[in-house]
Amino acid sequence: MVTIWGGATARTLRAHWMAHELELDYTPELIGSRTGATQTAEFKALNPKEKIPVLVDGDLVLSESAAIVTYLGDTYGRDTGLVPAPFTPERALYNQWSSFVQMELDAHTLYVIRKHRDLANLYGEAPAAIETALTGFTKQAHAADLALATSDYLIGADFTAADLMLVSVLTWAKAYGLDLTQRLTAYKELHTQRPAFKAAATLNFSISAGA
């Protein structure tokens, strides 16, 4: 039985959304970050980084949202096309977009805003860092906008987990009040109509992320 630990963040949404796309029978352990739940002995035994999401599948314990999404696709969705097959150009593009989302649109921009605005009591106020992050997000989001100029999908002619990753940060950005281009707004609205997204989002955001 697969278990996914974590809820209430864009990163945990990715794991739950992928599980729902695959119609996977799994157990959600909906703990939030900074609620104390990730500091318990039980959870730290799974992930000493004290971060969510975490996936447990038998003896495998896996952290990092993109790794979880990719593992689920490789293991439980080989015939779905959600994660392209290894050793193909499509897989290389999938890896590119997953890395892009994690770094350029998450860690380097949106999470900087979260740290120095929402969590300023922990990480300190840094107006200049926030301004740089806002500018950086707009610049990098433009690259995604260009990639979608002729298609509603990042790779090929169908929805993949690369789209799942990108939509997760676009919904985060929208929640933060950032302006998205018309094309990215339409793209986000299209894919958030997917039944799997709706089910996963309802589940994921049914709890508080914590202070």
N, C-alpha and C. Protein backbone atom coordinates (compact mmCIF):
# COMPACT_ATOMS: atom_id res chain seq x y z
N MET A 1 0.84 -1.20 0.00
CA MET A 1 0.00 0.00 0.00
C MET A 1 0.87 1.25 0.00
N VAL A 2 0.59 2.16 -0.89
CA VAL A 2 1.30 3.43 -0.97
C VAL A 2 0.72 4.40 0.04
N THR A 3 1.59 5.12 0.73
CA THR A 3 1.18 6.18 1.64
C THR A 3 1.87 7.47 1.21
N ILE A 4 1.12 8.55 1.17
CA ILE A 4 1.68 9.86 0.88
C ILE A 4 1.46 10.75 2.09
N TRP A 5 2.57 11.22 2.65
CA TRP A 5 2.54 12.10 3.82
C TRP A 5 2.59 13.55 3.35
N GLY A 6 1.72 14.35 3.91
CA GLY A 6 1.78 15.78 3.68
C GLY A 6 0.55 16.34 3.00
N GLY A 7 0.28 17.60 3.31
CA GLY A 7 -0.83 18.30 2.69
C GLY A 7 -0.66 19.79 2.83
N ALA A 8 -1.55 20.52 2.16
CA ALA A 8 -1.72 21.97 2.31
C ALA A 8 -0.71 22.81 1.54
N THR A 9 0.20 22.23 0.77
CA THR A 9 1.16 23.02 0.00
C THR A 9 1.10 22.63 -1.47
N ALA A 10 1.68 23.48 -2.31
CA ALA A 10 1.75 23.17 -3.73
C ALA A 10 2.60 21.94 -3.99
N ARG A 11 3.61 21.74 -3.16
CA ARG A 11 4.49 20.58 -3.35
C ARG A 11 3.78 19.28 -3.00
N THR A 12 3.01 19.27 -1.92
CA THR A 12 2.27 18.05 -1.58
C THR A 12 1.14 17.81 -2.58
N LEU A 13 0.58 18.90 -3.12
CA LEU A 13 -0.46 18.75 -4.13
C LEU A 13 0.03 17.90 -5.29
N ARG A 14 1.28 18.11 -5.70
CA ARG A 14 1.81 17.36 -6.85
C ARG A 14 1.71 15.86 -6.63
N ALA A 15 2.08 15.42 -5.45
CA ALA A 15 2.06 13.98 -5.16
C ALA A 15 0.64 13.44 -5.16
N HIS A 16 -0.27 14.14 -4.49
CA HIS A 16 -1.66 13.69 -4.44
C HIS A 16 -2.30 13.73 -5.82
N TRP A 17 -2.02 14.78 -6.58
CA TRP A 17 -2.59 14.90 -7.92
C TRP A 17 -2.15 13.74 -8.80
N MET A 18 -0.87 13.40 -8.75
CA MET A 18 -0.39 12.29 -9.57
C MET A 18 -1.07 10.98 -9.16
N ALA A 19 -1.21 10.76 -7.87
CA ALA A 19 -1.87 9.54 -7.40
C ALA A 19 -3.31 9.49 -7.91
N HIS A 20 -3.98 10.63 -7.94
CA HIS A 20 -5.36 10.65 -8.44
C HIS A 20 -5.41 10.47 -9.95
N GLU A 21 -4.46 11.02 -10.68
CA GLU A 21 -4.41 10.79 -12.12
C GLU A 21 -4.29 9.30 -12.43
N LEU A 22 -3.55 8.60 -11.59
CA LEU A 22 -3.32 7.17 -11.78
C LEU A 22 -4.42 6.32 -11.17
N GLU A 23 -5.40 6.98 -10.53
CA GLU A 23 -6.47 6.27 -9.82
C GLU A 23 -5.89 5.25 -8.86
N LEU A 24 -4.85 5.68 -8.17
CA LEU A 24 -4.11 4.81 -7.26
C LEU A 24 -4.82 4.71 -5.91
N ASP A 25 -4.96 3.51 -5.42
CA ASP A 25 -5.50 3.29 -4.08
C ASP A 25 -4.35 3.51 -3.09
N TYR A 26 -4.39 4.62 -2.38
CA TYR A 26 -3.29 4.95 -1.48
C TYR A 26 -3.85 5.56 -0.21
N THR A 27 -2.98 5.67 0.78
CA THR A 27 -3.36 6.27 2.06
C THR A 27 -2.76 7.66 2.18
N PRO A 28 -3.59 8.71 2.31
CA PRO A 28 -3.05 10.05 2.54
C PRO A 28 -2.89 10.32 4.04
N GLU A 29 -1.70 10.69 4.42
CA GLU A 29 -1.45 11.12 5.80
C GLU A 29 -1.28 12.65 5.75
N LEU A 30 -2.36 13.34 6.02
CA LEU A 30 -2.42 14.78 5.76
C LEU A 30 -1.86 15.58 6.93
N ILE A 31 -0.55 15.64 6.99
CA ILE A 31 0.10 16.48 7.99
C ILE A 31 0.61 17.74 7.31
N GLY A 32 0.61 18.85 8.05
CA GLY A 32 1.08 20.10 7.50
C GLY A 32 2.51 20.40 7.93
N SER A 33 3.15 21.27 7.18
CA SER A 33 4.48 21.73 7.56
C SER A 33 4.34 22.76 8.69
N ARG A 34 5.35 22.81 9.54
CA ARG A 34 5.40 23.77 10.65
C ARG A 34 4.19 23.68 11.57
N THR A 35 3.64 22.49 11.70
CA THR A 35 2.57 22.24 12.67
C THR A 35 3.08 21.40 13.83
N GLY A 36 4.34 20.97 13.74
CA GLY A 36 4.92 20.04 14.71
C GLY A 36 4.87 18.61 14.23
N ALA A 37 4.02 18.34 13.23
CA ALA A 37 3.85 16.95 12.78
C ALA A 37 5.09 16.42 12.08
N THR A 38 5.87 17.28 11.44
CA THR A 38 7.07 16.80 10.75
C THR A 38 8.27 16.70 11.69
N GLN A 39 8.07 17.09 12.95
CA GLN A 39 9.15 17.00 13.93
C GLN A 39 8.99 15.81 14.87
N THR A 40 7.97 15.00 14.64
CA THR A 40 7.77 13.83 15.49
C THR A 40 8.84 12.78 15.19
N ALA A 41 9.09 11.93 16.15
CA ALA A 41 10.08 10.86 15.96
C ALA A 41 9.65 9.94 14.81
N GLU A 42 8.34 9.68 14.71
CA GLU A 42 7.85 8.81 13.65
C GLU A 42 8.16 9.39 12.27
N PHE A 43 7.88 10.68 12.11
CA PHE A 43 8.10 11.26 10.79
C PHE A 43 9.58 11.45 10.50
N LYS A 44 10.35 11.88 11.49
CA LYS A 44 11.78 12.08 11.24
C LYS A 44 12.49 10.77 10.92
N ALA A 45 11.92 9.65 11.36
CA ALA A 45 12.48 8.36 10.97
C ALA A 45 12.29 8.12 9.47
N LEU A 46 11.22 8.70 8.90
CA LEU A 46 10.99 8.61 7.46
C LEU A 46 11.82 9.63 6.71
N ASN A 47 11.83 10.85 7.21
CA ASN A 47 12.53 11.93 6.51
C ASN A 47 13.20 12.86 7.51
N PRO A 48 14.46 12.67 7.77
CA PRO A 48 15.17 13.53 8.73
C PRO A 48 15.26 14.98 8.28
N LYS A 49 14.93 15.26 7.02
CA LYS A 49 14.89 16.65 6.56
C LYS A 49 13.67 17.39 7.11
N GLU A 50 12.71 16.63 7.67
CA GLU A 50 11.50 17.20 8.25
C GLU A 50 10.69 17.97 7.21
N LYS A 51 10.64 17.43 6.00
CA LYS A 51 9.94 18.08 4.90
C LYS A 51 8.88 17.15 4.33
N ILE A 52 7.85 17.75 3.76
CA ILE A 52 6.82 17.01 3.04
C ILE A 52 6.79 17.52 1.59
N PRO A 53 6.35 16.63 0.67
CA PRO A 53 5.75 15.32 0.84
C PRO A 53 6.79 14.21 0.99
N VAL A 54 6.29 13.09 1.50
CA VAL A 54 7.06 11.85 1.56
C VAL A 54 6.15 10.72 1.10
N LEU A 55 6.70 9.85 0.26
CA LEU A 55 5.97 8.67 -0.19
C LEU A 55 6.59 7.43 0.43
N VAL A 56 5.74 6.52 0.89
CA VAL A 56 6.19 5.22 1.38
C VAL A 56 5.50 4.15 0.54
N ASP A 57 6.29 3.29 -0.06
CA ASP A 57 5.76 2.19 -0.87
C ASP A 57 6.56 0.95 -0.52
N GLY A 58 6.02 0.13 0.38
CA GLY A 58 6.78 -1.01 0.86
C GLY A 58 8.00 -0.55 1.62
N ASP A 59 9.15 -1.00 1.19
CA ASP A 59 10.41 -0.61 1.85
C ASP A 59 10.96 0.70 1.32
N LEU A 60 10.36 1.24 0.27
CA LEU A 60 10.86 2.48 -0.32
C LEU A 60 10.28 3.69 0.41
N VAL A 61 11.15 4.58 0.83
CA VAL A 61 10.75 5.87 1.37
C VAL A 61 11.36 6.94 0.47
N LEU A 62 10.51 7.80 -0.08
CA LEU A 62 10.96 8.74 -1.10
C LEU A 62 10.46 10.14 -0.77
N SER A 63 11.36 11.11 -0.81
CA SER A 63 10.98 12.50 -0.62
C SER A 63 11.25 13.27 -1.91
N GLU A 64 10.89 14.55 -1.91
CA GLU A 64 11.00 15.47 -3.04
C GLU A 64 9.86 15.20 -4.04
N SER A 65 9.05 16.24 -4.24
CA SER A 65 7.81 16.07 -4.99
C SER A 65 8.02 15.57 -6.42
N ALA A 66 9.00 16.10 -7.12
CA ALA A 66 9.22 15.66 -8.51
C ALA A 66 9.66 14.20 -8.56
N ALA A 67 10.47 13.79 -7.60
CA ALA A 67 10.89 12.39 -7.56
C ALA A 67 9.70 11.48 -7.30
N ILE A 68 8.80 11.92 -6.42
CA ILE A 68 7.61 11.13 -6.11
C ILE A 68 6.71 11.02 -7.35
N VAL A 69 6.47 12.14 -8.00
CA VAL A 69 5.62 12.14 -9.19
C VAL A 69 6.21 11.21 -10.26
N THR A 70 7.50 11.30 -10.48
CA THR A 70 8.15 10.47 -11.50
C THR A 70 8.10 9.00 -11.12
N TYR A 71 8.36 8.69 -9.87
CA TYR A 71 8.29 7.30 -9.42
C TYR A 71 6.90 6.72 -9.62
N LEU A 72 5.88 7.47 -9.25
CA LEU A 72 4.52 6.97 -9.41
C LEU A 72 4.20 6.69 -10.87
N GLY A 73 4.62 7.61 -11.74
CA GLY A 73 4.37 7.39 -13.16
C GLY A 73 5.12 6.20 -13.71
N ASP A 74 6.40 6.06 -13.34
CA ASP A 74 7.20 4.94 -13.82
C ASP A 74 6.68 3.61 -13.29
N THR A 75 6.20 3.60 -12.06
CA THR A 75 5.85 2.35 -11.39
C THR A 75 4.40 1.94 -11.63
N TYR A 76 3.50 2.91 -11.61
CA TYR A 76 2.08 2.58 -11.66
C TYR A 76 1.37 3.13 -12.89
N GLY A 77 2.10 3.81 -13.77
CA GLY A 77 1.45 4.40 -14.93
C GLY A 77 2.24 4.27 -16.21
N ARG A 78 2.89 3.15 -16.40
CA ARG A 78 3.75 3.00 -17.57
C ARG A 78 2.99 3.11 -18.88
N ASP A 79 1.72 2.74 -18.88
CA ASP A 79 0.95 2.78 -20.12
C ASP A 79 0.10 4.04 -20.23
N THR A 80 0.24 4.95 -19.30
CA THR A 80 -0.61 6.14 -19.32
C THR A 80 0.01 7.30 -20.08
N GLY A 81 1.33 7.31 -20.22
CA GLY A 81 2.01 8.42 -20.86
C GLY A 81 2.20 9.63 -19.95
N LEU A 82 1.79 9.51 -18.70
CA LEU A 82 1.93 10.65 -17.79
C LEU A 82 3.40 11.00 -17.55
N VAL A 83 4.24 9.98 -17.47
CA VAL A 83 5.68 10.18 -17.42
C VAL A 83 6.27 9.45 -18.62
N PRO A 84 6.92 10.16 -19.53
CA PRO A 84 7.46 9.51 -20.72
C PRO A 84 8.46 8.40 -20.38
N ALA A 85 8.56 7.46 -21.28
CA ALA A 85 9.44 6.32 -21.08
C ALA A 85 10.90 6.76 -21.01
N PRO A 86 11.69 6.07 -20.18
CA PRO A 86 13.13 6.40 -20.11
C PRO A 86 13.82 6.25 -21.46
N PHE A 87 14.93 6.96 -21.60
CA PHE A 87 15.79 6.87 -22.78
C PHE A 87 15.10 7.36 -24.05
N THR A 88 14.20 8.32 -23.90
CA THR A 88 13.53 8.91 -25.06
C THR A 88 13.70 10.43 -25.02
N PRO A 89 13.59 11.09 -26.16
CA PRO A 89 13.64 12.56 -26.15
C PRO A 89 12.55 13.16 -25.27
N GLU A 90 11.38 12.51 -25.25
CA GLU A 90 10.28 13.02 -24.43
C GLU A 90 10.63 12.97 -22.95
N ARG A 91 11.36 11.93 -22.54
CA ARG A 91 11.77 11.85 -21.15
C ARG A 91 12.78 12.95 -20.82
N ALA A 92 13.66 13.23 -21.76
CA ALA A 92 14.63 14.31 -21.54
C ALA A 92 13.90 15.64 -21.36
N LEU A 93 12.89 15.88 -22.18
CA LEU A 93 12.12 17.11 -22.04
C LEU A 93 11.34 17.13 -20.72
N TYR A 94 10.83 15.99 -20.33
CA TYR A 94 10.13 15.89 -19.04
C TYR A 94 11.08 16.24 -17.90
N ASN A 95 12.29 15.70 -17.94
CA ASN A 95 13.28 16.01 -16.90
C ASN A 95 13.61 17.50 -16.89
N GLN A 96 13.72 18.08 -18.09
CA GLN A 96 14.01 19.50 -18.20
C GLN A 96 12.93 20.33 -17.53
N TRP A 97 11.68 20.08 -17.86
CA TRP A 97 10.58 20.88 -17.32
C TRP A 97 10.39 20.65 -15.83
N SER A 98 10.59 19.44 -15.37
CA SER A 98 10.47 19.17 -13.94
C SER A 98 11.52 19.94 -13.16
N SER A 99 12.76 19.95 -13.67
CA SER A 99 13.84 20.69 -13.03
C SER A 99 13.56 22.19 -13.07
N PHE A 100 13.07 22.66 -14.19
CA PHE A 100 12.74 24.07 -14.35
C PHE A 100 11.70 24.52 -13.32
N VAL A 101 10.65 23.73 -13.17
CA VAL A 101 9.60 24.08 -12.20
C VAL A 101 10.17 24.10 -10.79
N GLN A 102 10.91 23.04 -10.44
CA GLN A 102 11.44 22.95 -9.07
C GLN A 102 12.36 24.10 -8.72
N MET A 103 13.21 24.48 -9.66
CA MET A 103 14.23 25.48 -9.36
C MET A 103 13.77 26.90 -9.68
N GLU A 104 13.42 27.15 -10.93
CA GLU A 104 13.18 28.52 -11.37
C GLU A 104 11.85 29.09 -10.91
N LEU A 105 10.82 28.25 -10.81
CA LEU A 105 9.50 28.74 -10.45
C LEU A 105 9.11 28.42 -9.01
N ASP A 106 9.88 27.58 -8.35
CA ASP A 106 9.57 27.21 -6.97
C ASP A 106 10.68 27.72 -6.06
N ALA A 107 11.79 27.02 -6.00
CA ALA A 107 12.82 27.32 -4.99
C ALA A 107 13.40 28.73 -5.12
N HIS A 108 13.67 29.19 -6.34
CA HIS A 108 14.34 30.47 -6.54
C HIS A 108 13.40 31.66 -6.51
N THR A 109 12.10 31.42 -6.59
CA THR A 109 11.18 32.55 -6.69
C THR A 109 10.02 32.44 -5.70
N LEU A 110 9.06 31.55 -5.94
CA LEU A 110 7.89 31.50 -5.06
C LEU A 110 8.26 31.17 -3.62
N TYR A 111 9.20 30.25 -3.44
CA TYR A 111 9.54 29.88 -2.06
C TYR A 111 10.34 31.00 -1.37
N VAL A 112 11.08 31.77 -2.13
CA VAL A 112 11.75 32.94 -1.55
C VAL A 112 10.71 33.92 -1.01
N ILE A 113 9.65 34.12 -1.78
CA ILE A 113 8.56 34.99 -1.32
C ILE A 113 7.92 34.43 -0.06
N ARG A 114 7.67 33.15 -0.06
CA ARG A 114 7.06 32.52 1.12
C ARG A 114 7.96 32.69 2.35
N LYS A 115 9.26 32.46 2.18
CA LYS A 115 10.18 32.53 3.31
C LYS A 115 10.27 33.94 3.90
N HIS A 116 10.34 34.93 3.04
CA HIS A 116 10.64 36.27 3.53
C HIS A 116 9.41 37.18 3.63
N ARG A 117 8.24 36.61 3.29
CA ARG A 117 7.00 37.34 3.51
C ARG A 117 6.12 36.58 4.51
N ASP A 118 5.67 35.39 4.10
CA ASP A 118 4.77 34.62 4.97
C ASP A 118 5.48 34.10 6.21
N LEU A 119 6.75 33.78 6.08
CA LEU A 119 7.50 33.19 7.19
C LEU A 119 8.64 34.10 7.64
N ALA A 120 8.40 35.39 7.54
CA ALA A 120 9.45 36.35 7.90
C ALA A 120 9.85 36.25 9.36
N ASN A 121 8.93 35.77 10.20
CA ASN A 121 9.26 35.60 11.62
C ASN A 121 10.32 34.53 11.83
N LEU A 122 10.44 33.62 10.87
CA LEU A 122 11.45 32.56 10.96
C LEU A 122 12.71 32.89 10.17
N TYR A 123 12.54 33.47 8.98
CA TYR A 123 13.67 33.65 8.06
C TYR A 123 14.11 35.10 7.92
N GLY A 124 13.35 36.03 8.49
CA GLY A 124 13.72 37.42 8.41
C GLY A 124 13.09 38.12 7.22
N GLU A 125 12.82 39.41 7.40
CA GLU A 125 12.29 40.20 6.30
C GLU A 125 13.41 40.52 5.31
N ALA A 126 13.07 40.44 4.03
CA ALA A 126 14.07 40.70 2.98
C ALA A 126 13.36 41.27 1.77
N PRO A 127 12.96 42.54 1.83
CA PRO A 127 12.22 43.14 0.71
C PRO A 127 12.93 43.04 -0.63
N ALA A 128 14.23 43.21 -0.63
CA ALA A 128 14.97 43.14 -1.89
C ALA A 128 14.93 41.74 -2.48
N ALA A 129 15.02 40.72 -1.62
CA ALA A 129 14.95 39.35 -2.09
C ALA A 129 13.57 39.04 -2.67
N ILE A 130 12.53 39.58 -2.03
CA ILE A 130 11.18 39.37 -2.53
C ILE A 130 11.00 40.03 -3.88
N GLU A 131 11.48 41.25 -4.02
CA GLU A 131 11.36 41.96 -5.30
C GLU A 131 12.10 41.23 -6.40
N THR A 132 13.30 40.74 -6.09
CA THR A 132 14.06 39.97 -7.08
C THR A 132 13.34 38.69 -7.45
N ALA A 133 12.73 38.05 -6.47
CA ALA A 133 11.99 36.81 -6.73
C ALA A 133 10.78 37.07 -7.62
N LEU A 134 10.08 38.15 -7.38
CA LEU A 134 8.93 38.50 -8.21
C LEU A 134 9.35 38.74 -9.66
N THR A 135 10.44 39.48 -9.83
CA THR A 135 10.95 39.73 -11.17
C THR A 135 11.42 38.45 -11.84
N GLY A 136 12.08 37.61 -11.05
CA GLY A 136 12.57 36.34 -11.59
C GLY A 136 11.45 35.42 -12.00
N PHE A 137 10.39 35.38 -11.21
CA PHE A 137 9.26 34.52 -11.59
C PHE A 137 8.66 34.98 -12.91
N THR A 138 8.45 36.28 -13.05
CA THR A 138 7.86 36.80 -14.29
C THR A 138 8.72 36.45 -15.50
N LYS A 139 10.04 36.60 -15.34
CA LYS A 139 10.95 36.29 -16.44
C LYS A 139 10.90 34.82 -16.82
N GLN A 140 10.96 33.95 -15.82
CA GLN A 140 10.99 32.52 -16.11
C GLN A 140 9.63 32.00 -16.57
N ALA A 141 8.56 32.57 -16.03
CA ALA A 141 7.23 32.18 -16.49
C ALA A 141 7.06 32.51 -17.97
N HIS A 142 7.74 33.56 -18.44
CA HIS A 142 7.69 33.92 -19.86
C HIS A 142 8.23 32.78 -20.72
N ALA A 143 9.26 32.08 -20.23
CA ALA A 143 9.80 30.95 -20.98
C ALA A 143 8.76 29.85 -21.11
N ALA A 144 8.00 29.61 -20.05
CA ALA A 144 6.93 28.61 -20.12
C ALA A 144 5.83 29.06 -21.07
N ASP A 145 5.51 30.35 -21.04
CA ASP A 145 4.51 30.91 -21.94
C ASP A 145 4.89 30.65 -23.40
N LEU A 146 6.15 30.89 -23.73
CA LEU A 146 6.61 30.67 -25.10
C LEU A 146 6.49 29.20 -25.50
N ALA A 147 6.78 28.31 -24.56
CA ALA A 147 6.72 26.88 -24.86
C ALA A 147 5.31 26.41 -25.15
N LEU A 148 4.33 27.17 -24.69
CA LEU A 148 2.92 26.80 -24.89
C LEU A 148 2.27 27.58 -26.02
N ALA A 149 3.07 28.20 -26.86
CA ALA A 149 2.54 29.05 -27.93
C ALA A 149 1.69 28.29 -28.92
N THR A 150 1.99 27.03 -29.15
CA THR A 150 1.27 26.27 -30.18
C THR A 150 0.59 25.02 -29.61
N SER A 151 0.57 24.87 -28.31
CA SER A 151 0.00 23.65 -27.73
C SER A 151 -0.47 23.93 -26.30
N ASP A 152 -1.42 23.14 -25.85
CA ASP A 152 -1.87 23.20 -24.46
C ASP A 152 -1.05 22.30 -23.55
N TYR A 153 0.02 21.71 -24.10
CA TYR A 153 0.83 20.75 -23.36
C TYR A 153 2.31 21.05 -23.55
N LEU A 154 3.09 20.79 -22.52
CA LEU A 154 4.52 21.04 -22.61
C LEU A 154 5.23 20.03 -23.49
N ILE A 155 4.75 18.78 -23.48
CA ILE A 155 5.41 17.70 -24.22
C ILE A 155 4.38 16.97 -25.07
N GLY A 156 4.58 16.96 -26.37
CA GLY A 156 3.70 16.21 -27.23
C GLY A 156 2.29 16.77 -27.27
N ALA A 157 1.33 15.88 -27.49
CA ALA A 157 -0.06 16.30 -27.71
C ALA A 157 -0.99 15.89 -26.58
N ASP A 158 -0.43 15.51 -25.45
CA ASP A 158 -1.26 15.05 -24.33
C ASP A 158 -0.71 15.56 -23.01
N PHE A 159 -1.56 15.55 -22.02
CA PHE A 159 -1.20 15.94 -20.66
C PHE A 159 -0.17 14.98 -20.09
N THR A 160 0.87 15.54 -19.49
CA THR A 160 1.88 14.73 -18.80
C THR A 160 2.12 15.31 -17.41
N ALA A 161 2.92 14.62 -16.64
CA ALA A 161 3.27 15.11 -15.31
C ALA A 161 4.10 16.38 -15.36
N ALA A 162 4.68 16.70 -16.50
CA ALA A 162 5.35 18.00 -16.64
C ALA A 162 4.32 19.12 -16.55
N ASP A 163 3.16 18.92 -17.15
CA ASP A 163 2.08 19.88 -17.03
C ASP A 163 1.58 19.96 -15.59
N LEU A 164 1.48 18.81 -14.95
CA LEU A 164 1.09 18.77 -13.54
C LEU A 164 2.04 19.63 -12.70
N MET A 165 3.31 19.49 -12.92
CA MET A 165 4.29 20.25 -12.17
C MET A 165 4.13 21.76 -12.42
N LEU A 166 3.98 22.13 -13.68
CA LEU A 166 3.86 23.55 -14.00
C LEU A 166 2.57 24.14 -13.44
N VAL A 167 1.48 23.45 -13.60
CA VAL A 167 0.21 23.96 -13.10
C VAL A 167 0.25 24.14 -11.58
N SER A 168 0.96 23.26 -10.89
CA SER A 168 1.04 23.38 -9.44
C SER A 168 1.66 24.71 -9.01
N VAL A 169 2.66 25.19 -9.74
CA VAL A 169 3.27 26.47 -9.37
C VAL A 169 2.46 27.65 -9.89
N LEU A 170 1.75 27.46 -10.99
CA LEU A 170 0.90 28.55 -11.48
C LEU A 170 -0.26 28.80 -10.53
N THR A 171 -0.83 27.74 -9.95
CA THR A 171 -1.90 27.94 -8.97
C THR A 171 -1.34 28.61 -7.71
N TRP A 172 -0.13 28.24 -7.34
CA TRP A 172 0.56 28.88 -6.20
C TRP A 172 0.77 30.36 -6.49
N ALA A 173 1.27 30.66 -7.67
CA ALA A 173 1.52 32.06 -8.04
C ALA A 173 0.22 32.86 -8.04
N LYS A 174 -0.84 32.28 -8.55
CA LYS A 174 -2.13 32.97 -8.58
C LYS A 174 -2.62 33.24 -7.16
N ALA A 175 -2.44 32.27 -6.28
CA ALA A 175 -2.84 32.45 -4.88
C ALA A 175 -2.04 33.57 -4.22
N TYR A 176 -0.83 33.80 -4.70
CA TYR A 176 0.02 34.87 -4.18
C TYR A 176 -0.28 36.22 -4.83
N GLY A 177 -1.19 36.24 -5.77
CA GLY A 177 -1.55 37.49 -6.42
C GLY A 177 -0.64 37.90 -7.55
N LEU A 178 0.19 36.99 -8.03
CA LEU A 178 1.08 37.32 -9.14
C LEU A 178 0.28 37.32 -10.45
N ASP A 179 0.66 38.20 -11.35
CA ASP A 179 0.01 38.26 -12.65
C ASP A 179 0.58 37.19 -13.57
N LEU A 180 -0.32 36.46 -14.21
CA LEU A 180 0.06 35.48 -15.21
C LEU A 180 -0.36 35.98 -16.59
N THR A 181 0.36 35.56 -17.61
CA THR A 181 -0.03 35.95 -18.96
C THR A 181 -1.38 35.32 -19.29
N GLN A 182 -2.00 35.85 -20.33
CA GLN A 182 -3.29 35.30 -20.76
C GLN A 182 -3.16 33.82 -21.11
N ARG A 183 -2.05 33.49 -21.79
CA ARG A 183 -1.86 32.10 -22.19
C ARG A 183 -1.67 31.19 -20.99
N LEU A 184 -0.86 31.60 -20.01
CA LEU A 184 -0.65 30.77 -18.83
C LEU A 184 -1.91 30.67 -17.99
N THR A 185 -2.69 31.74 -17.95
CA THR A 185 -3.95 31.70 -17.22
C THR A 185 -4.90 30.68 -17.85
N ALA A 186 -5.01 30.71 -19.18
CA ALA A 186 -5.88 29.77 -19.87
C ALA A 186 -5.39 28.33 -19.69
N TYR A 187 -4.09 28.15 -19.74
CA TYR A 187 -3.48 26.83 -19.54
C TYR A 187 -3.78 26.31 -18.15
N LYS A 188 -3.61 27.15 -17.16
CA LYS A 188 -3.90 26.75 -15.78
C LYS A 188 -5.37 26.39 -15.61
N GLU A 189 -6.23 27.23 -16.15
CA GLU A 189 -7.66 26.99 -16.00
C GLU A 189 -8.10 25.70 -16.71
N LEU A 190 -7.49 25.43 -17.84
CA LEU A 190 -7.80 24.19 -18.57
C LEU A 190 -7.48 22.96 -17.72
N HIS A 191 -6.28 22.92 -17.19
CA HIS A 191 -5.83 21.70 -16.52
C HIS A 191 -6.35 21.58 -15.08
N THR A 192 -6.75 22.68 -14.47
CA THR A 192 -7.35 22.57 -13.15
C THR A 192 -8.81 22.11 -13.22
N GLN A 193 -9.31 21.94 -14.43
CA GLN A 193 -10.63 21.33 -14.60
C GLN A 193 -10.57 19.81 -14.62
N ARG A 194 -9.37 19.27 -14.63
CA ARG A 194 -9.25 17.81 -14.63
C ARG A 194 -9.83 17.24 -13.33
N PRO A 195 -10.62 16.18 -13.42
CA PRO A 195 -11.20 15.61 -12.20
C PRO A 195 -10.15 15.22 -11.16
N ALA A 196 -9.01 14.72 -11.62
CA ALA A 196 -7.96 14.32 -10.68
C ALA A 196 -7.41 15.52 -9.93
N PHE A 197 -7.27 16.66 -10.62
CA PHE A 197 -6.81 17.86 -9.92
C PHE A 197 -7.81 18.28 -8.87
N LYS A 198 -9.08 18.33 -9.23
CA LYS A 198 -10.11 18.78 -8.30
C LYS A 198 -10.15 17.90 -7.06
N ALA A 199 -10.08 16.59 -7.26
CA ALA A 199 -10.12 15.68 -6.12
C ALA A 199 -8.88 15.84 -5.24
N ALA A 200 -7.73 15.94 -5.88
CA ALA A 200 -6.48 16.07 -5.12
C ALA A 200 -6.42 17.40 -4.38
N ALA A 201 -6.85 18.48 -5.03
CA ALA A 201 -6.80 19.79 -4.40
C ALA A 201 -7.74 19.85 -3.20
N THR A 202 -8.92 19.28 -3.34
CA THR A 202 -9.86 19.25 -2.21
C THR A 202 -9.25 18.52 -1.03
N LEU A 203 -8.63 17.39 -1.31
CA LEU A 203 -7.98 16.61 -0.25
C LEU A 203 -6.79 17.36 0.32
N ASN A 204 -5.90 17.83 -0.54
CA ASN A 204 -4.65 18.43 -0.12
C ASN A 204 -4.85 19.67 0.73
N PHE A 205 -5.82 20.49 0.34
CA PHE A 205 -6.01 21.77 1.04
C PHE A 205 -7.11 21.70 2.10
N SER A 206 -7.43 20.49 2.51
CA SER A 206 -8.43 20.33 3.57
C SER A 206 -7.83 20.57 4.96
N ILE A 207 -6.51 20.77 5.01
CA ILE A 207 -5.83 21.06 6.27
C ILE A 207 -5.02 22.34 6.14
N SER A 208 -4.58 22.87 7.25
CA SER A 208 -3.76 24.09 7.25
C SER A 208 -2.30 23.72 7.11
N ALA A 209 -1.56 24.58 6.42
CA ALA A 209 -0.12 24.34 6.24
C ALA A 209 0.66 24.62 7.52
N GLY A 210 0.08 25.35 8.43
CA GLY A 210 0.81 25.74 9.64
C GLY A 210 1.40 27.12 9.49
N ALA A 211 1.85 27.66 10.60
CA ALA A 211 2.38 29.03 10.58
C ALA A 211 3.66 29.12 9.79
